[in-house]
Amino acid sequence: MHLPDGLLSAPVCLGGYGLTGLATWYSLRQIQRDPDVSRNMPKASLLTAAFFVASSIHIPIPPTSVHLVLNGLLGTVLGYYAFPAILIGLLFQAVILGHGGMTVLGVNAVMMGVPALVAYHVFQLQRFCPWGSDRPRLGIFAFVAGALGLGLAALIFFALVMTNIPAAMDAQAERTAVYGLTLAHIPVMLIEGGFTAMLVLFLHQVKPDLLGHHGTP
C-alpha cells in the first residue's frame, strides 16, 4: 500500500505535500473546536501506535501478501484526529521500518488520510438513520466505514501507480502486478470492516462516550 521513493515525479510528490498541508490544517482547525481535546488525545495516541504496528502484520493472499492499514478504523473512531495520526504513523513507518519514503510521505498521507476522513463522515451518517436499533445500525455503518477507508486508499494507490509506471520498467508486467495487488485488498477490506465493527460495538457497550463527535464536520 505504501508508495516507495522514486516511483512518482517531483511535481506529484510536491502536490502530495501541498494537499497534506491543507488536510492537516483543516483537521487541526476542526480539532480546535473539540470541547475536550485532552480526553481524546490518549485515544488518538493509542490508535496512532496501532496504525504504525499494523503495517508489520502481513496477510498472505497468493500470489502476493498484503498488510493491514486500519485507516478506515482510525477515521471511524477518531474523526478529524485521524489525519494527523496517520501522518505521524507514516513518518515513523518510513523512518523506522522503511515503509514508503520521505519524498512520497505527502502522497501516502493523502492516499490513506483522506479516505479516513471519508470513513468518519460515512460513520456519522448512522446518527441520521431512522431504521434499526442502536447496535445493528452502529455495526453496519462501522463495517462499511472501515472497509471503505481501505477500499478508497487501494483505488488511489491503483490510479497513482498505473499512471506513473517508470519507462524503464516492463509496463505490462507492472500493470499485471498492480491489478493483482489491488484485488488482494478486497479480503483485507472485509477483515478491516469486521474489525472496525467489533471495536465500535465493544466501545459502545463499555464506554460509548469514546464514540463521541470529534470536531465539527
Protein backbone atom coordinates (compact mmCIF):
# COMPACT_ATOMS: atom_id res chain seq x y z
CA MET A 1 0.00 0.00 0.00
CA HIS A 2 2.90 2.37 0.70
CA LEU A 3 4.27 4.12 -2.37
CA PRO A 4 8.10 4.00 -2.36
CA ASP A 5 10.62 6.72 -3.14
CA GLY A 6 11.49 7.08 -6.82
CA LEU A 7 8.15 5.98 -8.27
CA LEU A 8 6.46 9.37 -8.60
CA SER A 9 7.67 12.52 -10.32
CA ALA A 10 8.74 15.58 -8.33
CA PRO A 11 5.59 17.61 -9.19
CA VAL A 12 3.36 14.78 -7.94
CA CYS A 13 5.36 14.50 -4.70
CA LEU A 14 5.19 18.27 -4.17
CA GLY A 15 1.46 18.20 -4.87
CA GLY A 16 1.10 15.47 -2.24
CA TYR A 17 2.85 17.61 0.35
CA GLY A 18 0.65 20.56 -0.59
CA LEU A 19 -2.56 18.55 -0.18
CA THR A 20 -1.28 17.06 3.06
CA GLY A 21 -0.59 20.54 4.41
CA LEU A 22 -4.13 21.63 3.57
CA ALA A 23 -5.72 18.49 5.04
CA THR A 24 -3.62 18.78 8.20
CA TRP A 25 -4.51 22.46 8.63
CA TYR A 26 -8.21 21.73 8.14
CA SER A 27 -8.15 18.75 10.52
CA LEU A 28 -6.35 20.71 13.25
CA ARG A 29 -8.81 23.56 12.78
CA GLN A 30 -11.70 21.15 13.38
CA ILE A 31 -9.91 19.56 16.35
CA GLN A 32 -9.59 23.00 17.96
CA ARG A 33 -13.40 23.08 18.13
CA ASP A 34 -13.40 19.89 20.19
CA PRO A 35 -14.52 20.95 23.70
CA ASP A 36 -12.37 18.28 25.35
CA VAL A 37 -9.17 17.72 23.35
CA SER A 38 -7.29 16.33 26.37
CA ARG A 39 -9.82 13.49 26.69
CA ASN A 40 -9.33 12.39 23.08
CA MET A 41 -5.54 12.68 22.87
CA PRO A 42 -4.80 9.34 24.64
CA LYS A 43 -7.20 7.55 22.28
CA ALA A 44 -5.56 9.21 19.26
CA SER A 45 -2.09 8.26 20.54
CA LEU A 46 -3.12 4.63 21.10
CA LEU A 47 -4.62 4.26 17.62
CA THR A 48 -1.60 6.00 16.04
CA ALA A 49 0.54 3.27 17.59
CA ALA A 50 -1.89 0.63 16.29
CA PHE A 51 -1.65 2.16 12.79
CA PHE A 52 2.15 2.08 13.00
CA VAL A 53 2.22 -1.59 14.03
CA ALA A 54 -0.48 -2.68 11.55
CA SER A 55 1.84 -2.29 8.56
CA SER A 56 4.01 -5.05 10.04
CA ILE A 57 1.14 -7.57 10.11
CA HIS A 58 1.25 -9.23 6.71
CA ILE A 59 -1.59 -11.38 5.39
CA PRO A 60 -0.60 -13.91 2.71
CA ILE A 61 -3.04 -13.78 -0.19
CA PRO A 62 -1.43 -15.82 -3.01
CA PRO A 63 0.36 -14.92 -5.17
CA THR A 64 1.19 -11.88 -3.04
CA SER A 65 0.79 -10.67 0.52
CA VAL A 66 -0.76 -7.51 1.92
CA HIS A 67 -0.77 -5.84 5.31
CA LEU A 68 -3.38 -4.22 7.50
CA VAL A 69 -3.80 -0.44 7.16
CA LEU A 70 -6.61 0.47 9.61
CA ASN A 71 -7.13 3.94 8.14
CA GLY A 72 -10.90 3.37 8.00
CA LEU A 73 -10.89 2.32 11.65
CA LEU A 74 -8.96 5.45 12.65
CA GLY A 75 -11.37 7.66 10.75
CA THR A 76 -14.39 5.94 12.28
CA VAL A 77 -13.18 6.21 15.88
CA LEU A 78 -11.00 9.35 15.80
CA GLY A 79 -12.78 11.63 13.35
CA TYR A 80 -10.58 14.61 12.41
CA TYR A 81 -7.82 13.34 14.69
CA ALA A 82 -7.29 10.57 12.13
CA PHE A 83 -5.43 12.61 9.52
CA PRO A 84 -2.61 13.91 11.78
CA ALA A 85 -2.49 10.47 13.45
CA ILE A 86 -1.96 8.77 10.08
CA LEU A 87 0.62 11.37 9.03
CA ILE A 88 2.64 10.76 12.21
CA GLY A 89 2.31 6.98 11.82
CA LEU A 90 3.51 7.14 8.20
CA LEU A 91 6.50 9.28 9.21
CA PHE A 92 7.62 6.70 11.78
CA GLN A 93 6.93 3.82 9.37
CA ALA A 94 9.18 5.49 6.76
CA VAL A 95 11.98 6.32 9.20
CA ILE A 96 11.98 3.17 11.35
CA LEU A 97 10.54 0.42 9.13
CA GLY A 98 11.43 1.72 5.67
CA HIS A 99 7.78 1.50 4.55
CA GLY A 100 7.14 4.24 1.99
CA GLY A 101 9.61 7.09 1.76
CA MET A 102 10.18 10.70 2.69
CA THR A 103 9.69 12.11 -0.81
CA VAL A 104 6.27 10.42 -1.08
CA LEU A 105 5.22 10.98 2.53
CA GLY A 106 2.72 13.63 1.48
CA VAL A 107 1.20 11.43 -1.23
CA ASN A 108 0.94 8.45 1.12
CA ALA A 109 -0.70 10.66 3.76
CA VAL A 110 -3.32 11.85 1.27
CA MET A 111 -3.83 8.29 -0.03
CA MET A 112 -4.63 6.92 3.44
CA GLY A 113 -5.71 10.01 5.39
CA VAL A 114 -8.38 11.46 3.09
CA PRO A 115 -10.24 8.10 2.88
CA ALA A 116 -10.11 8.03 6.70
CA LEU A 117 -11.96 11.36 6.81
CA VAL A 118 -14.48 10.00 4.30
CA ALA A 119 -14.95 6.94 6.55
CA TYR A 120 -15.59 9.26 9.50
CA HIS A 121 -18.38 11.09 7.67
CA VAL A 122 -19.90 7.83 6.43
CA PHE A 123 -19.98 6.52 10.01
CA GLN A 124 -21.58 9.75 11.25
CA LEU A 125 -24.48 9.15 8.86
CA GLN A 126 -25.73 6.48 11.28
CA ARG A 127 -26.88 9.30 13.57
CA PHE A 128 -29.45 10.34 10.96
CA CYS A 129 -30.54 6.83 10.02
CA PRO A 130 -34.10 6.22 11.29
CA TRP A 131 -34.21 2.45 10.98
CA GLY A 132 -32.95 -0.31 13.23
CA SER A 133 -31.84 -0.38 16.85
CA ASP A 134 -28.56 1.13 18.02
CA ARG A 135 -26.23 -1.88 17.93
CA PRO A 136 -27.09 -3.29 14.47
CA ARG A 137 -27.04 0.19 12.97
CA LEU A 138 -23.69 1.03 14.57
CA GLY A 139 -22.23 -2.29 13.45
CA ILE A 140 -23.34 -1.92 9.84
CA PHE A 141 -22.11 1.67 9.46
CA ALA A 142 -18.83 0.85 11.21
CA PHE A 143 -18.26 -2.12 8.89
CA VAL A 144 -18.94 -0.01 5.80
CA ALA A 145 -16.73 2.86 7.06
CA GLY A 146 -13.85 0.54 7.99
CA ALA A 147 -13.95 -1.28 4.64
CA LEU A 148 -14.49 1.90 2.61
CA GLY A 149 -11.44 3.62 4.10
CA LEU A 150 -9.13 0.88 2.87
CA GLY A 151 -11.01 0.45 -0.42
CA LEU A 152 -10.63 4.12 -1.34
CA ALA A 153 -6.95 4.06 -0.40
CA ALA A 154 -6.41 1.00 -2.62
CA LEU A 155 -8.14 2.74 -5.55
CA ILE A 156 -5.95 5.84 -5.14
CA PHE A 157 -2.88 3.59 -4.96
CA PHE A 158 -4.01 1.83 -8.14
CA ALA A 159 -4.56 5.10 -10.03
CA LEU A 160 -1.24 6.61 -8.93
CA VAL A 161 0.84 3.57 -9.82
CA MET A 162 -0.91 2.89 -13.14
CA THR A 163 -0.35 6.47 -14.29
CA ASN A 164 3.24 6.71 -13.07
CA ILE A 165 4.95 3.49 -14.21
CA PRO A 166 8.58 4.41 -14.99
CA ALA A 167 9.60 3.96 -18.62
CA ALA A 168 12.49 1.73 -17.58
CA MET A 169 10.11 -0.93 -16.21
CA ASP A 170 8.13 -3.57 -18.08
CA ALA A 171 4.78 -1.77 -18.23
CA GLN A 172 2.68 -4.89 -18.89
CA ALA A 173 4.27 -6.85 -16.05
CA GLU A 174 3.86 -3.89 -13.69
CA ARG A 175 0.20 -3.47 -14.64
CA THR A 176 -0.45 -7.17 -14.01
CA ALA A 177 1.25 -6.94 -10.60
CA VAL A 178 -0.72 -3.81 -9.66
CA TYR A 179 -4.03 -5.41 -10.71
CA GLY A 180 -3.23 -8.43 -8.52
CA LEU A 181 -2.14 -6.31 -5.57
CA THR A 182 -5.26 -4.13 -5.74
CA LEU A 183 -7.60 -7.13 -5.94
CA ALA A 184 -5.76 -8.71 -2.99
CA HIS A 185 -7.03 -5.85 -0.82
CA ILE A 186 -10.68 -6.93 -1.22
CA PRO A 187 -10.49 -9.61 1.51
CA VAL A 188 -8.49 -7.17 3.67
CA MET A 189 -11.36 -4.69 3.31
CA LEU A 190 -13.70 -7.30 4.77
CA ILE A 191 -11.27 -8.01 7.62
CA GLU A 192 -10.81 -4.34 8.50
CA GLY A 193 -14.55 -3.68 8.15
CA GLY A 194 -15.30 -6.54 10.53
CA PHE A 195 -12.60 -5.44 12.97
CA THR A 196 -13.90 -1.86 12.94
CA ALA A 197 -17.46 -3.06 13.59
CA MET A 198 -16.33 -5.23 16.52
CA LEU A 199 -14.31 -2.39 18.06
CA VAL A 200 -17.15 0.10 17.70
CA LEU A 201 -19.69 -2.29 19.24
CA PHE A 202 -17.28 -3.01 22.11
CA LEU A 203 -16.74 0.70 22.80
CA HIS A 204 -20.48 1.30 22.52
CA GLN A 205 -21.03 -1.27 25.24
CA VAL A 206 -18.26 -0.37 27.68
CA LYS A 207 -17.56 3.36 27.07
CA PRO A 208 -19.91 4.91 24.49
CA ASP A 209 -18.55 8.43 25.06
CA LEU A 210 -15.39 7.34 23.20
CA LEU A 211 -17.50 7.26 20.04
CA GLY A 212 -18.45 10.89 20.51
CA HIS A 213 -18.47 13.64 17.92
CA HIS A 214 -14.90 14.76 17.13
CA GLY A 215 -14.74 18.32 15.89
CA THR A 216 -17.20 19.91 13.54
CA PRO A 217 -17.84 18.32 10.13
